[in-house]
Amino acid sequence: MITVISGTNRANSRTLLFASHFVEQLRALGREAQLLDLAELSHDFFPLDMYNPKAMTPELLNLQRKYILDVKKFAIFVPEYNGSYPGVLKMFIDGISVNEYSGIFKGKHVALVGIASGRAGNLLGMAHLGVTVSHMGGWLLPNRLPLSSIDKLIENGKLTNADTINAMKTHAEELIAA
């Protein structure tokens, strides 16, 4: 099973569009894949004492079990927010890290995909997230996929740019092979 994370809590985000397309590509390549959309997280998942393992909400614990602990590979779609990655993604990682820390990323393969309306494809945000994942023992795929000027890649709410579709397929194949 591969978990694909749409790393923003913005409703109806373009990040979700790209992450959903990636899930479809993984399935077309014969792999089981599931999508974790951080926009579906309730703000209640992060109590004031979120760093106390006994305070972890049952909902967050269930998400950790379903999407993280038994999964060996991840693709994280990372939109650019102020030169980095969204705080909700950091809060999610921090929130689940109080329970079974070594089961989160340690020894697991992680592909990063940067999403940006600008021209750098969130290279800096992927670098920031990469440090966190590596610190937690995750194995980052050496090729990160920066997707830039994303508004030009979408028509009528669908990813239509052939070069981007092919680049994402190659990234999916690299994750499968890892």
Protein backbone atom coordinates (compact mmCIF):
# COMPACT_ATOMS: atom_id res chain seq x y z
CA MET A 1 0.00 0.00 0.00
CA ILE A 2 1.19 3.49 -0.85
CA THR A 3 -0.23 6.53 0.91
CA VAL A 4 -0.42 9.76 -1.06
CA ILE A 5 -0.78 12.84 1.13
CA SER A 6 -2.31 16.07 -0.12
CA GLY A 7 -0.37 18.34 2.22
CA THR A 8 -2.76 21.26 2.68
CA ASN A 9 -5.99 21.91 4.50
CA ARG A 10 -7.24 24.28 1.80
CA ALA A 11 -10.59 23.02 0.52
CA ASN A 12 -10.73 22.01 -3.15
CA SER A 13 -7.02 22.71 -3.58
CA ARG A 14 -5.04 22.20 -6.73
CA THR A 15 -2.67 20.12 -4.63
CA LEU A 16 -5.50 17.63 -4.16
CA LEU A 17 -6.05 17.53 -7.91
CA PHE A 18 -2.40 16.55 -8.52
CA ALA A 19 -2.34 14.09 -5.59
CA SER A 20 -5.53 12.42 -6.84
CA HIS A 21 -4.05 12.08 -10.32
CA PHE A 22 -0.96 10.44 -8.78
CA VAL A 23 -3.15 7.91 -6.94
CA GLU A 24 -4.81 7.05 -10.26
CA GLN A 25 -1.39 6.61 -11.88
CA LEU A 26 -0.21 4.27 -9.09
CA ARG A 27 -3.37 2.19 -9.45
CA ALA A 28 -2.94 2.07 -13.25
CA LEU A 29 0.57 0.72 -12.57
CA GLY A 30 -0.97 -2.09 -10.48
CA ARG A 31 -0.28 -0.74 -7.00
CA GLU A 32 -2.65 -0.26 -4.10
CA ALA A 33 -2.81 3.41 -3.22
CA GLN A 34 -4.84 5.52 -0.84
CA LEU A 35 -5.24 9.27 -0.52
CA LEU A 36 -4.99 11.22 2.72
CA ASP A 37 -6.43 14.70 2.18
CA LEU A 38 -5.39 16.97 5.06
CA ALA A 39 -8.33 19.23 4.20
CA GLU A 40 -10.51 16.55 5.79
CA LEU A 41 -8.80 16.91 9.17
CA SER A 42 -10.88 18.43 11.90
CA HIS A 43 -9.23 21.19 13.92
CA ASP A 44 -10.16 19.11 16.99
CA PHE A 45 -7.46 16.59 16.03
CA PHE A 46 -4.83 18.82 17.61
CA PRO A 47 -5.66 19.47 21.29
CA LEU A 48 -3.76 22.06 23.30
CA ASP A 49 -1.66 19.30 24.87
CA MET A 50 -1.07 17.54 21.53
CA TYR A 51 2.42 16.45 22.58
CA ASN A 52 0.97 14.26 25.32
CA PRO A 53 0.44 10.77 23.84
CA LYS A 54 -2.53 10.24 26.15
CA ALA A 55 -4.24 13.29 24.67
CA MET A 56 -4.08 12.04 21.07
CA THR A 57 -7.62 12.12 19.71
CA PRO A 58 -9.14 8.81 18.60
CA GLU A 59 -9.68 10.28 15.12
CA LEU A 60 -5.99 11.18 14.72
CA LEU A 61 -4.97 7.79 16.08
CA ASN A 62 -7.23 6.10 13.50
CA LEU A 63 -5.73 8.19 10.68
CA GLN A 64 -2.23 7.26 11.85
CA ARG A 65 -3.11 3.57 11.84
CA LYS A 66 -4.87 3.61 8.46
CA TYR A 67 -2.57 5.90 6.47
CA ILE A 68 0.84 5.79 8.19
CA LEU A 69 1.87 2.90 10.42
CA ASP A 70 1.34 -0.09 8.14
CA VAL A 71 2.39 1.75 4.98
CA LYS A 72 5.89 1.34 3.55
CA LYS A 73 5.85 4.07 0.89
CA PHE A 74 4.54 7.61 0.69
CA ALA A 75 4.17 10.38 -1.85
CA ILE A 76 3.70 13.77 -0.23
CA PHE A 77 2.34 16.59 -2.37
CA VAL A 78 3.66 19.82 -0.91
CA PRO A 79 2.20 23.18 -1.93
CA GLU A 80 4.31 26.27 -1.45
CA TYR A 81 3.16 28.38 1.48
CA ASN A 82 5.41 31.33 2.25
CA GLY A 83 8.57 29.68 0.95
CA SER A 84 8.01 26.39 2.78
CA TYR A 85 5.31 23.80 3.34
CA PRO A 86 1.93 24.23 5.04
CA GLY A 87 1.74 24.32 8.82
CA VAL A 88 -1.07 21.76 8.85
CA LEU A 89 1.32 19.18 7.38
CA LYS A 90 3.86 19.92 10.12
CA MET A 91 1.14 19.78 12.76
CA PHE A 92 -0.06 16.45 11.40
CA ILE A 93 3.46 15.00 11.51
CA ASP A 94 4.04 16.44 14.99
CA GLY A 95 0.63 15.22 16.20
CA ILE A 96 1.23 11.62 15.17
CA SER A 97 4.88 11.61 16.27
CA VAL A 98 3.90 11.30 19.93
CA ASN A 99 2.59 7.79 19.24
CA GLU A 100 4.80 5.05 17.75
CA TYR A 101 7.43 7.52 16.51
CA SER A 102 9.63 4.90 14.88
CA GLY A 103 6.70 3.54 12.87
CA ILE A 104 5.99 6.79 11.06
CA PHE A 105 8.77 7.23 8.48
CA LYS A 106 11.71 5.13 9.73
CA GLY A 107 12.97 2.90 6.92
CA LYS A 108 10.11 3.91 4.62
CA HIS A 109 10.45 5.41 1.14
CA VAL A 110 9.07 8.90 0.59
CA ALA A 111 8.58 10.72 -2.71
CA LEU A 112 8.13 14.48 -2.63
CA VAL A 113 6.21 16.53 -5.16
CA GLY A 114 6.27 20.33 -4.92
CA ILE A 115 3.30 22.34 -6.11
CA ALA A 116 3.59 26.04 -6.90
CA SER A 117 1.91 28.67 -8.99
CA GLY A 118 5.35 30.30 -9.28
CA ARG A 119 8.38 29.03 -11.12
CA ALA A 120 10.37 27.10 -8.51
CA GLY A 121 7.96 24.20 -7.88
CA ASN A 122 8.36 24.62 -4.12
CA LEU A 123 11.95 23.39 -4.08
CA LEU A 124 12.54 25.14 -0.77
CA GLY A 125 9.45 23.65 0.86
CA MET A 126 10.44 20.18 -0.29
CA ALA A 127 13.91 20.76 1.18
CA HIS A 128 12.37 21.79 4.52
CA LEU A 129 10.05 18.77 4.57
CA GLY A 130 12.87 16.51 3.45
CA VAL A 131 14.90 17.47 6.52
CA THR A 132 11.96 16.50 8.76
CA VAL A 133 11.35 13.18 7.00
CA SER A 134 15.07 12.32 7.02
CA HIS A 135 15.37 13.23 10.69
CA MET A 136 12.56 10.77 11.39
CA GLY A 137 14.42 8.01 9.50
CA GLY A 138 12.59 8.18 6.17
CA TRP A 139 14.32 7.38 2.89
CA LEU A 140 13.74 10.21 0.43
CA LEU A 141 13.67 9.43 -3.26
CA PRO A 142 16.66 11.26 -4.72
CA ASN A 143 14.59 12.92 -7.44
CA ARG A 144 12.07 15.38 -6.12
CA LEU A 145 9.42 16.54 -8.55
CA PRO A 146 8.87 20.32 -8.64
CA LEU A 147 5.69 21.29 -10.48
CA SER A 148 5.71 24.97 -11.41
CA SER A 149 3.18 27.36 -12.92
CA ILE A 150 0.49 24.83 -12.14
CA ASP A 151 -2.34 27.02 -13.46
CA LYS A 152 -0.93 26.42 -16.95
CA LEU A 153 -1.06 22.64 -16.45
CA ILE A 154 -4.79 22.43 -15.71
CA GLU A 155 -7.81 22.87 -17.98
CA ASN A 156 -11.39 22.66 -16.74
CA GLY A 157 -10.29 21.25 -13.39
CA LYS A 158 -8.17 18.46 -14.89
CA LEU A 159 -4.48 17.92 -15.34
CA THR A 160 -3.93 18.07 -19.10
CA ASN A 161 -0.24 18.87 -19.62
CA ALA A 162 1.33 15.77 -21.22
CA ASP A 163 4.86 16.52 -20.00
CA THR A 164 3.65 16.83 -16.40
CA ILE A 165 1.56 13.66 -16.66
CA ASN A 166 4.63 11.79 -17.94
CA ALA A 167 6.88 13.27 -15.23
CA MET A 168 4.41 12.20 -12.56
CA LYS A 169 4.22 8.69 -14.04
CA THR A 170 8.01 8.44 -13.96
CA HIS A 171 7.96 9.62 -10.33
CA ALA A 172 5.35 6.97 -9.51
CA GLU A 173 7.47 4.29 -11.19
CA GLU A 174 10.52 5.41 -9.18
CA LEU A 175 8.54 5.17 -5.94
CA ILE A 176 7.29 1.70 -6.86
CA ALA A 177 10.84 0.57 -7.69
CA ALA A 178 12.29 1.94 -4.42
